[in-house]
C-alpha atoms as a PDB file:
ATOM      1  CA  UNK A   1      50.231-141.505 -23.332  1.00  0.00           C
ATOM      2  CA  UNK A   2      47.761-140.084 -25.590  1.00  0.00           C
ATOM      3  CA  UNK A   3      45.564-141.236 -28.083  1.00  0.00           C
ATOM      4  CA  UNK A   4      45.553-138.049 -29.997  1.00  0.00           C
ATOM      5  CA  UNK A   5      48.551-138.939 -32.677  1.00  0.00           C
ATOM      6  CA  UNK A   6      49.436-134.873 -33.402  1.00  0.00           C
ATOM      7  CA  UNK A   7      49.682-134.389 -29.361  1.00  0.00           C
ATOM      8  CA  UNK A   8      52.138-137.304 -28.859  1.00  0.00           C
ATOM      9  CA  UNK A   9      55.750-136.451 -28.316  1.00  0.00           C
ATOM     10  CA  UNK A  10      58.310-136.299 -31.239  1.00  0.00           C
ATOM     11  CA  UNK A  11      61.510-138.674 -29.470  1.00  0.00           C
ATOM     12  CA  UNK A  12      64.929-136.609 -29.765  1.00  0.00           C
ATOM     13  CA  UNK A  13      68.098-138.739 -29.166  1.00  0.00           C
ATOM     14  CA  UNK A  14      72.046-138.297 -29.249  1.00  0.00           C
ATOM     15  CA  UNK A  15      75.224-140.368 -27.857  1.00  0.00           C
ATOM     16  CA  UNK A  16      75.445-137.256 -25.693  1.00  0.00           C
ATOM     17  CA  UNK A  17      74.517-133.223 -25.574  1.00  0.00           C
ATOM     18  CA  UNK A  18      75.477-132.577 -28.844  1.00  0.00           C
ATOM     19  CA  UNK A  19      71.936-133.029 -29.652  1.00  0.00           C
ATOM     20  CA  UNK A  20      70.594-130.264 -28.394  1.00  0.00           C
ATOM     21  CA  UNK A  21      71.644-127.783 -31.273  1.00  0.00           C
ATOM     22  CA  UNK A  22      69.110-130.141 -33.409  1.00  0.00           C
ATOM     23  CA  UNK A  23      66.014-129.401 -30.824  1.00  0.00           C
ATOM     24  CA  UNK A  24      66.969-126.242 -31.092  1.00  0.00           C
ATOM     25  CA  UNK A  25      66.355-126.041 -34.800  1.00  0.00           C
ATOM     26  CA  UNK A  26      63.514-128.459 -33.934  1.00  0.00           C
ATOM     27  CA  UNK A  27      61.610-126.245 -31.885  1.00  0.00           C
ATOM     28  CA  UNK A  28      62.888-122.740 -34.042  1.00  0.00           C
ATOM     29  CA  UNK A  29      61.210-124.807 -36.983  1.00  0.00           C
ATOM     30  CA  UNK A  30      57.941-126.651 -34.373  1.00  0.00           C
ATOM     31  CA  UNK A  31      57.599-124.482 -31.456  1.00  0.00           C
ATOM     32  CA  UNK A  32      53.852-126.189 -30.544  1.00  0.00           C
ATOM     33  CA  UNK A  33      55.035-129.498 -30.755  1.00  0.00           C
ATOM     34  CA  UNK A  34      55.882-131.882 -27.834  1.00  0.00           C
ATOM     35  CA  UNK A  35      59.730-132.340 -27.252  1.00  0.00           C
ATOM     36  CA  UNK A  36      61.534-136.106 -25.559  1.00  0.00           C
ATOM     37  CA  UNK A  37      65.112-136.104 -25.526  1.00  0.00           C
ATOM     38  CA  UNK A  38      67.858-138.513 -24.330  1.00  0.00           C
ATOM     39  CA  UNK A  39      71.357-137.832 -23.493  1.00  0.00           C
ATOM     40  CA  UNK A  40      73.043-141.047 -23.981  1.00  0.00           C
ATOM     41  CA  UNK A  41      75.631-139.147 -21.857  1.00  0.00           C
ATOM     42  CA  UNK A  42      76.413-141.763 -19.532  1.00  0.00           C
ATOM     43  CA  UNK A  43      78.216-143.997 -22.966  1.00  0.00           C
ATOM     44  CA  UNK A  44      79.110-141.092 -24.130  1.00  0.00           C
ATOM     45  CA  UNK A  45      81.432-140.349 -26.701  1.00  0.00           C
ATOM     46  CA  UNK A  46      79.723-143.363 -29.301  1.00  0.00           C
ATOM     47  CA  UNK A  47      82.265-141.721 -32.101  1.00  0.00           C
ATOM     48  CA  UNK A  48      85.353-142.713 -30.572  1.00  0.00           C
ATOM     49  CA  UNK A  49      85.883-145.661 -29.221  1.00  0.00           C
ATOM     50  CA  UNK A  50      82.422-147.403 -29.596  1.00  0.00           C
ATOM     51  CA  UNK A  51      82.165-150.383 -32.645  1.00  0.00           C
ATOM     52  CA  UNK A  52      79.030-150.413 -34.608  1.00  0.00           C
ATOM     53  CA  UNK A  53      77.323-153.250 -32.629  1.00  0.00           C
ATOM     54  CA  UNK A  54      77.101-151.154 -29.303  1.00  0.00           C
ATOM     55  CA  UNK A  55      76.107-148.077 -30.903  1.00  0.00           C
ATOM     56  CA  UNK A  56      73.343-149.917 -32.708  1.00  0.00           C
ATOM     57  CA  UNK A  57      72.537-151.799 -29.286  1.00  0.00           C
ATOM     58  CA  UNK A  58      72.041-148.948 -27.899  1.00  0.00           C
ATOM     59  CA  UNK A  59      70.127-147.285 -31.080  1.00  0.00           C
ATOM     60  CA  UNK A  60      67.730-150.078 -31.014  1.00  0.00           C
ATOM     61  CA  UNK A  61      67.125-149.734 -26.567  1.00  0.00           C
ATOM     62  CA  UNK A  62      66.636-145.665 -26.966  1.00  0.00           C
ATOM     63  CA  UNK A  63      63.881-146.027 -30.096  1.00  0.00           C
ATOM     64  CA  UNK A  64      61.772-148.410 -27.943  1.00  0.00           C
ATOM     65  CA  UNK A  65      62.210-147.284 -24.941  1.00  0.00           C
ATOM     66  CA  UNK A  66      60.600-143.740 -26.176  1.00  0.00           C
ATOM     67  CA  UNK A  67      58.341-145.632 -27.448  1.00  0.00           C
ATOM     68  CA  UNK A  68      57.318-147.436 -24.807  1.00  0.00           C
ATOM     69  CA  UNK A  69      57.404-144.809 -22.388  1.00  0.00           C
ATOM     70  CA  UNK A  70      56.261-141.848 -24.171  1.00  0.00           C
ATOM     71  CA  UNK A  71      54.378-142.787 -27.461  1.00  0.00           C
ATOM     72  CA  UNK A  72      56.513-140.982 -30.315  1.00  0.00           C
ATOM     73  CA  UNK A  73      55.272-140.680 -33.067  1.00  0.00           C
ATOM     74  CA  UNK A  74      58.711-139.915 -35.112  1.00  0.00           C
ATOM     75  CA  UNK A  75      62.659-140.188 -33.651  1.00  0.00           C
ATOM     76  CA  UNK A  76      64.979-137.795 -34.546  1.00  0.00           C
ATOM     77  CA  UNK A  77      68.276-139.499 -34.949  1.00  0.00           C
ATOM     78  CA  UNK A  78      70.938-136.553 -32.969  1.00  0.00           C
ATOM     79  CA  UNK A  79      73.603-137.789 -33.616  1.00  0.00           C
ATOM     80  CA  UNK A  80      75.511-138.359 -36.879  1.00  0.00           C
ATOM     81  CA  UNK A  81      77.448-141.673 -35.617  1.00  0.00           C
ATOM     82  CA  UNK A  82      73.822-143.627 -34.222  1.00  0.00           C
ATOM     83  CA  UNK A  83      72.194-142.295 -37.682  1.00  0.00           C
ATOM     84  CA  UNK A  84      75.523-143.895 -39.804  1.00  0.00           C
ATOM     85  CA  UNK A  85      75.567-146.904 -38.223  1.00  0.00           C
ATOM     86  CA  UNK A  86      72.374-148.419 -36.932  1.00  0.00           C
ATOM     87  CA  UNK A  87      69.648-145.584 -39.005  1.00  0.00           C
ATOM     88  CA  UNK A  88      69.200-148.216 -41.814  1.00  0.00           C
ATOM     89  CA  UNK A  89      69.542-151.500 -38.601  1.00  0.00           C
ATOM     90  CA  UNK A  90      66.006-148.943 -36.466  1.00  0.00           C
ATOM     91  CA  UNK A  91      64.049-148.128 -39.640  1.00  0.00           C
ATOM     92  CA  UNK A  92      63.947-152.454 -40.453  1.00  0.00           C
ATOM     93  CA  UNK A  93      62.758-153.388 -36.837  1.00  0.00           C
ATOM     94  CA  UNK A  94      60.788-150.857 -36.713  1.00  0.00           C
ATOM     95  CA  UNK A  95      59.125-149.742 -39.818  1.00  0.00           C
ATOM     96  CA  UNK A  96      56.167-147.882 -38.257  1.00  0.00           C
ATOM     97  CA  UNK A  97      57.908-145.350 -36.485  1.00  0.00           C
ATOM     98  CA  UNK A  98      59.418-142.533 -39.202  1.00  0.00           C
ATOM     99  CA  UNK A  99      62.840-141.361 -38.117  1.00  0.00           C
ATOM    100  CA  UNK A 100      64.718-139.044 -39.334  1.00  0.00           C
ATOM    101  CA  UNK A 101      68.704-139.569 -39.218  1.00  0.00           C
ATOM    102  CA  UNK A 102      71.350-137.272 -39.608  1.00  0.00           C
ATOM    103  CA  UNK A 103      75.190-136.621 -41.964  1.00  0.00           C
ATOM    104  CA  UNK A 104      77.168-134.537 -42.836  1.00  0.00           C
ATOM    105  CA  UNK A 105      76.187-130.785 -45.255  1.00  0.00           C
ATOM    106  CA  UNK A 106      78.712-132.827 -47.749  1.00  0.00           C
ATOM    107  CA  UNK A 107      75.606-132.150 -50.760  1.00  0.00           C
ATOM    108  CA  UNK A 108      75.047-128.086 -49.796  1.00  0.00           C
ATOM    109  CA  UNK A 109      79.016-127.474 -48.751  1.00  0.00           C
ATOM    110  CA  UNK A 110      79.972-129.207 -52.814  1.00  0.00           C
ATOM    111  CA  UNK A 111      77.127-126.735 -54.088  1.00  0.00           C
ATOM    112  CA  UNK A 112      77.718-123.765 -52.220  1.00  0.00           C
ATOM    113  CA  UNK A 113      81.599-124.325 -52.090  1.00  0.00           C
ATOM    114  CA  UNK A 114      82.782-121.108 -55.007  1.00  0.00           C
ATOM    115  CA  UNK A 115      86.622-122.850 -54.335  1.00  0.00           C
ATOM    116  CA  UNK A 116      85.807-126.720 -54.729  1.00  0.00           C
ATOM    117  CA  UNK A 117      87.944-127.450 -51.636  1.00  0.00           C
ATOM    118  CA  UNK A 118      85.073-128.529 -49.002  1.00  0.00           C
ATOM    119  CA  UNK A 119      86.925-129.000 -45.071  1.00  0.00           C
ATOM    120  CA  UNK A 120      84.640-132.439 -42.746  1.00  0.00           C
ATOM    121  CA  UNK A 121      85.119-132.473 -39.454  1.00  0.00           C
ATOM    122  CA  UNK A 122      83.832-135.341 -37.485  1.00  0.00           C
ATOM    123  CA  UNK A 123      83.350-137.988 -35.502  1.00  0.00           C
ATOM    124  CA  UNK A 124      85.814-140.927 -36.078  1.00  0.00           C
ATOM    125  CA  UNK A 125      83.456-143.555 -36.429  1.00  0.00           C
ATOM    126  CA  UNK A 126      81.127-141.401 -38.425  1.00  0.00           C
ATOM    127  CA  UNK A 127      83.992-140.425 -41.505  1.00  0.00           C
ATOM    128  CA  UNK A 128      85.051-144.089 -41.194  1.00  0.00           C
ATOM    129  CA  UNK A 129      81.208-145.209 -41.885  1.00  0.00           C
ATOM    130  CA  UNK A 130      80.771-146.963 -45.127  1.00  0.00           C
ATOM    131  CA  UNK A 131      77.461-144.496 -44.967  1.00  0.00           C
ATOM    132  CA  UNK A 132      79.856-141.490 -45.173  1.00  0.00           C
ATOM    133  CA  UNK A 133      81.762-143.065 -48.399  1.00  0.00           C
ATOM    134  CA  UNK A 134      78.798-143.780 -49.789  1.00  0.00           C
ATOM    135  CA  UNK A 135      78.026-139.648 -49.154  1.00  0.00           C
ATOM    136  CA  UNK A 136      81.504-137.941 -49.891  1.00  0.00           C
ATOM    137  CA  UNK A 137      81.918-140.162 -53.539  1.00  0.00           C
ATOM    138  CA  UNK A 138      78.309-139.212 -54.153  1.00  0.00           C
ATOM    139  CA  UNK A 139      79.357-135.189 -53.842  1.00  0.00           C
ATOM    140  CA  UNK A 140      82.839-135.538 -55.129  1.00  0.00           C
ATOM    141  CA  UNK A 141      83.126-134.512 -58.965  1.00  0.00           C
ATOM    142  CA  UNK A 142      83.264-131.475 -58.643  1.00  0.00           C
ATOM    143  CA  UNK A 143      84.393-130.708 -54.683  1.00  0.00           C
ATOM    144  CA  UNK A 144      87.580-132.064 -52.748  1.00  0.00           C
ATOM    145  CA  UNK A 145      86.828-133.238 -49.560  1.00  0.00           C
ATOM    146  CA  UNK A 146      89.108-132.876 -46.836  1.00  0.00           C
ATOM    147  CA  UNK A 147      88.101-135.080 -44.234  1.00  0.00           C
ATOM    148  CA  UNK A 148      89.748-134.961 -40.018  1.00  0.00           C
ATOM    149  CA  UNK A 149      88.379-136.878 -37.663  1.00  0.00           C
ATOM    150  CA  UNK A 150      88.051-135.142 -34.897  1.00  0.00           C
ATOM    151  CA  UNK A 151      89.552-137.960 -31.692  1.00  0.00           C
ATOM    152  CA  UNK A 152      88.136-136.306 -28.040  1.00  0.00           C
ATOM    153  CA  UNK A 153      86.378-132.885 -29.264  1.00  0.00           C
ATOM    154  CA  UNK A 154      82.681-134.541 -28.607  1.00  0.00           C
ATOM    155  CA  UNK A 155      84.004-135.583 -25.484  1.00  0.00           C
ATOM    156  CA  UNK A 156      85.801-132.459 -24.845  1.00  0.00           C
ATOM    157  CA  UNK A 157      82.682-130.705 -25.469  1.00  0.00           C
ATOM    158  CA  UNK A 158      80.548-132.949 -23.393  1.00  0.00           C
ATOM    159  CA  UNK A 159      82.826-132.124 -20.242  1.00  0.00           C
ATOM    160  CA  UNK A 160      82.823-128.190 -19.999  1.00  0.00           C
ATOM    161  CA  UNK A 161      78.981-129.875 -18.731  1.00  0.00           C
ATOM    162  CA  UNK A 162      80.426-131.776 -16.384  1.00  0.00           C
ATOM    163  CA  UNK A 163      83.597-131.425 -14.890  1.00  0.00           C
ATOM    164  CA  UNK A 164      84.102-128.480 -11.701  1.00  0.00           C
ATOM    165  CA  UNK A 165      86.903-127.052 -14.129  1.00  0.00           C
ATOM    166  CA  UNK A 166      86.704-122.877 -14.616  1.00  0.00           C
ATOM    167  CA  UNK A 167      85.265-121.695 -17.855  1.00  0.00           C
ATOM    168  CA  UNK A 168      88.276-121.166 -19.179  1.00  0.00           C
ATOM    169  CA  UNK A 169      90.486-124.159 -18.958  1.00  0.00           C
ATOM    170  CA  UNK A 170      87.471-126.239 -20.367  1.00  0.00           C
ATOM    171  CA  UNK A 171      86.920-123.367 -23.345  1.00  0.00           C
ATOM    172  CA  UNK A 172      90.794-124.286 -24.270  1.00  0.00           C
ATOM    173  CA  UNK A 173      90.362-127.830 -23.797  1.00  0.00           C
ATOM    174  CA  UNK A 174      87.645-127.426 -25.988  1.00  0.00           C
ATOM    175  CA  UNK A 175      90.548-124.571 -28.430  1.00  0.00           C
ATOM    176  CA  UNK A 176      93.219-126.418 -28.439  1.00  0.00           C
ATOM    177  CA  UNK A 177      91.374-129.311 -29.941  1.00  0.00           C
ATOM    178  CA  UNK A 178      90.214-127.079 -32.391  1.00  0.00           C
ATOM    179  CA  UNK A 179      92.402-125.152 -33.854  1.00  0.00           C
ATOM    180  CA  UNK A 180      94.450-129.271 -34.090  1.00  0.00           C
ATOM    181  CA  UNK A 181      91.695-130.457 -36.583  1.00  0.00           C
ATOM    182  CA  UNK A 182      90.818-127.425 -38.569  1.00  0.00           C
ATOM    183  CA  UNK A 183      95.162-127.049 -38.632  1.00  0.00           C
ATOM    184  CA  UNK A 184      95.231-130.842 -39.957  1.00  0.00           C
ATOM    185  CA  UNK A 185      92.430-129.837 -42.838  1.00  0.00           C
ATOM    186  CA  UNK A 186      94.378-127.492 -44.802  1.00  0.00           C
ATOM    187  CA  UNK A 187      94.259-123.362 -45.398  1.00  0.00           C
ATOM    188  CA  UNK A 188      91.258-121.213 -45.306  1.00  0.00           C
ATOM    189  CA  UNK A 189      90.166-118.972 -47.753  1.00  0.00           C
ATOM    190  CA  UNK A 190      89.293-117.589 -50.723  1.00  0.00           C
ATOM    191  CA  UNK A 191      91.383-118.088 -52.968  1.00  0.00           C
ATOM    192  CA  UNK A 192      92.252-121.488 -55.260  1.00  0.00           C
ATOM    193  CA  UNK A 193      92.873-123.698 -53.804  1.00  0.00           C
ATOM    194  CA  UNK A 194      91.895-122.634 -49.575  1.00  0.00           C
ATOM    195  CA  UNK A 195      89.269-124.420 -48.138  1.00  0.00           C
ATOM    196  CA  UNK A 196      85.368-121.941 -48.445  1.00  0.00           C
ATOM    197  CA  UNK A 197      83.162-124.059 -46.215  1.00  0.00           C
ATOM    198  CA  UNK A 198      83.119-126.272 -43.661  1.00  0.00           C
ATOM    199  CA  UNK A 199      81.200-129.116 -42.191  1.00  0.00           C
ATOM    200  CA  UNK A 200      80.450-129.409 -38.146  1.00  0.00           C
ATOM    201  CA  UNK A 201      80.219-133.323 -39.418  1.00  0.00           C
ATOM    202  CA  UNK A 202      78.636-133.894 -35.929  1.00  0.00           C
ATOM    203  CA  UNK A 203      76.212-132.727 -33.722  1.00  0.00           C
ATOM    204  CA  UNK A 204      78.450-131.578 -30.863  1.00  0.00           C
ATOM    205  CA  UNK A 205      80.882-129.117 -32.642  1.00  0.00           C
ATOM    206  CA  UNK A 206      77.963-126.792 -33.292  1.00  0.00           C
ATOM    207  CA  UNK A 207      78.535-125.425 -30.123  1.00  0.00           C
ATOM    208  CA  UNK A 208      82.142-124.985 -30.639  1.00  0.00           C
ATOM    209  CA  UNK A 209      81.351-123.022 -33.863  1.00  0.00           C
ATOM    210  CA  UNK A 210      82.576-119.583 -32.316  1.00  0.00           C
ATOM    211  CA  UNK A 211      86.179-121.214 -31.337  1.00  0.00           C
ATOM    212  CA  UNK A 212      85.990-122.967 -34.488  1.00  0.00           C
ATOM    213  CA  UNK A 213      84.386-119.551 -36.422  1.00  0.00           C
ATOM    214  CA  UNK A 214      87.836-117.769 -34.959  1.00  0.00           C
ATOM    215  CA  UNK A 215      90.187-120.582 -36.493  1.00  0.00           C
ATOM    216  CA  UNK A 216      89.044-120.269 -39.925  1.00  0.00           C
ATOM    217  CA  UNK A 217      88.219-116.546 -40.570  1.00  0.00           C
ATOM    218  CA  UNK A 218      85.774-114.821 -41.498  1.00  0.00           C
ATOM    219  CA  UNK A 219      85.407-115.801 -44.672  1.00  0.00           C
ATOM    220  CA  UNK A 220      84.319-119.172 -44.205  1.00  0.00           C
ATOM    221  CA  UNK A 221      81.584-121.250 -44.666  1.00  0.00           C
ATOM    222  CA  UNK A 222      80.373-123.106 -41.250  1.00  0.00           C
ATOM    223  CA  UNK A 223      77.363-125.767 -41.798  1.00  0.00           C
ATOM    224  CA  UNK A 224      75.956-128.181 -39.861  1.00  0.00           C
ATOM    225  CA  UNK A 225      72.590-129.717 -40.643  1.00  0.00           C
ATOM    226  CA  UNK A 226      70.408-128.295 -37.581  1.00  0.00           C
ATOM    227  CA  UNK A 227      67.608-126.489 -39.263  1.00  0.00           C
ATOM    228  CA  UNK A 228      67.615-128.906 -41.956  1.00  0.00           C
ATOM    229  CA  UNK A 229      66.886-131.902 -40.228  1.00  0.00           C
ATOM    230  CA  UNK A 230      64.145-129.438 -38.906  1.00  0.00           C
ATOM    231  CA  UNK A 231      62.629-129.333 -41.281  1.00  0.00           C
ATOM    232  CA  UNK A 232      63.079-132.345 -42.704  1.00  0.00           C
ATOM    233  CA  UNK A 233      60.466-133.272 -39.692  1.00  0.00           C
ATOM    234  CA  UNK A 234      58.003-130.672 -40.594  1.00  0.00           C
ATOM    235  CA  UNK A 235      57.948-132.787 -44.409  1.00  0.00           C
ATOM    236  CA  UNK A 236      57.716-136.063 -42.628  1.00  0.00           C
ATOM    237  CA  UNK A 237      55.396-135.067 -39.741  1.00  0.00           C
ATOM    238  CA  UNK A 238      53.104-133.431 -43.215  1.00  0.00           C
ATOM    239  CA  UNK A 239      52.787-135.827 -44.626  1.00  0.00           C
ATOM    240  CA  UNK A 240      50.928-138.021 -42.020  1.00  0.00           C
ATOM    241  CA  UNK A 241      48.916-135.919 -40.713  1.00  0.00           C
ATOM    242  CA  UNK A 242      50.728-135.660 -37.224  1.00  0.00           C
ATOM    243  CA  UNK A 243      51.864-131.910 -36.770  1.00  0.00           C
ATOM    244  CA  UNK A 244      51.115-130.613 -33.721  1.00  0.00           C
ATOM    245  CA  UNK A 245      48.020-127.831 -34.528  1.00  0.00           C
ATOM    246  CA  UNK A 246      49.705-124.197 -34.333  1.00  0.00           C
ATOM    247  CA  UNK A 247      45.799-123.188 -33.497  1.00  0.00           C
ATOM    248  CA  UNK A 248      44.171-123.807 -29.597  1.00  0.00           C
ATOM    249  CA  UNK A 249      40.286-124.629 -30.305  1.00  0.00           C
ATOM    250  CA  UNK A 250      39.369-121.034 -29.134  1.00  0.00           C
ATOM    251  CA  UNK A 251      41.334-119.943 -32.296  1.00  0.00           C
ATOM    252  CA  UNK A 252      44.439-118.159 -30.075  1.00  0.00           C
ATOM    253  CA  UNK A 253      48.146-118.965 -31.221  1.00  0.00           C
ATOM    254  CA  UNK A 254      49.105-122.906 -29.643  1.00  0.00           C
ATOM    255  CA  UNK A 255      51.064-122.480 -26.359  1.00  0.00           C
ATOM    256  CA  UNK A 256      54.803-123.919 -27.273  1.00  0.00           C
ATOM    257  CA  UNK A 257      55.595-127.691 -26.810  1.00  0.00           C
ATOM    258  CA  UNK A 258      56.737-129.175 -23.874  1.00  0.00           C
ATOM    259  CA  UNK A 259      59.954-130.562 -23.684  1.00  0.00           C
ATOM    260  CA  UNK A 260      61.285-133.399 -21.331  1.00  0.00           C
ATOM    261  CA  UNK A 261      64.910-133.916 -21.382  1.00  0.00           C
ATOM    262  CA  UNK A 262      66.926-137.608 -20.426  1.00  0.00           C
ATOM    263  CA  UNK A 263      70.223-138.639 -19.425  1.00  0.00           C
ATOM    264  CA  UNK A 264      72.412-141.575 -18.535  1.00  0.00           C
ATOM    265  CA  UNK A 265      74.881-139.444 -17.416  1.00  0.00           C
ATOM    266  CA  UNK A 266      75.631-137.050 -15.106  1.00  0.00           C
ATOM    267  CA  UNK A 267      71.786-134.792 -14.703  1.00  0.00           C
ATOM    268  CA  UNK A 268      73.790-131.791 -12.713  1.00  0.00           C
ATOM    269  CA  UNK A 269      75.112-131.464 -16.662  1.00  0.00           C
ATOM    270  CA  UNK A 270      72.299-131.858 -18.534  1.00  0.00           C
ATOM    271  CA  UNK A 271      70.650-128.836 -16.835  1.00  0.00           C
ATOM    272  CA  UNK A 272      73.887-127.266 -17.541  1.00  0.00           C
ATOM    273  CA  UNK A 273      73.603-127.300 -21.356  1.00  0.00           C
ATOM    274  CA  UNK A 274      69.642-127.285 -21.025  1.00  0.00           C
ATOM    275  CA  UNK A 275      70.400-123.995 -19.669  1.00  0.00           C
ATOM    276  CA  UNK A 276      73.625-122.525 -21.128  1.00  0.00           C
ATOM    277  CA  UNK A 277      72.186-123.255 -24.363  1.00  0.00           C
ATOM    278  CA  UNK A 278      68.212-123.297 -24.624  1.00  0.00           C
ATOM    279  CA  UNK A 279      67.396-121.451 -21.627  1.00  0.00           C
ATOM    280  CA  UNK A 280      65.680-124.395 -20.048  1.00  0.00           C
ATOM    281  CA  UNK A 281      64.777-125.477 -16.273  1.00  0.00           C
ATOM    282  CA  UNK A 282      66.449-127.147 -14.392  1.00  0.00           C
ATOM    283  CA  UNK A 283      63.206-129.147 -13.495  1.00  0.00           C
ATOM    284  CA  UNK A 284      62.909-129.834 -17.543  1.00  0.00           C
ATOM    285  CA  UNK A 285      65.344-132.724 -16.509  1.00  0.00           C
ATOM    286  CA  UNK A 286      65.346-136.523 -15.226  1.00  0.00           C
ATOM    287  CA  UNK A 287      68.393-139.022 -14.443  1.00  0.00           C
ATOM    288  CA  UNK A 288      67.911-142.748 -16.192  1.00  0.00           C
ATOM    289  CA  UNK A 289      69.584-145.397 -15.722  1.00  0.00           C
ATOM    290  CA  UNK A 290      72.628-146.614 -18.506  1.00  0.00           C
ATOM    291  CA  UNK A 291      71.517-150.134 -19.482  1.00  0.00           C
END
């Protein structure tokens, strides 16, 4: 573990591989930082059936692991369900650790919607949380939110890297769920009463963006939180004085920071996801016990 605060890694975790979409945005915004990512795929998905107590226990255990093993200088909870269920407990338990959570982008969606009708796709754990209810209430003055719990969608995206299915069969399973849940929200478009903005309220859903785009049409805005979370992480590290330097001691641009990925699920699945979505080699990935 390095003693220099700026050189210490940023921890990132999710219930599975969905948080790789946030890691992708973080690496774009902060290319010189060292990242340690943990996919708790052995317990995924959090949002469909796991209760708050379980999610809180896993969140605290993972944060503890990343602090003790890797000396992280900040933690990005790249999971909407874990943020909703556990971020307040995590901040209370580790008040000296900067924690950045994610939540469905209702505020920016309300600000940019022209029809004032916004669709929200998220896990059942997220949409049933008190945190989500407060967020929705805060931004409902001028905007109608049509909210859909997408049981099974995060799991299907997770399984697309795990199962030895043909790619076409895996894609069709995800497409069918996307069609079911977007269809339940209502009509999409730019006419009065149409949904013109769709919030992707689970980090996994970013990896189904092309399928969702085909279903809702070219005029509908798709909003996720990756870039906003990355900018907030930069702000927090800047305030703390722990940003990794962008220049090497010789004045040359600093090299890209290293990335280490862990999973409590199938190692080959994480390796496939890391290669597909981040272009990272298999040796960046390692397996951990589920417990």
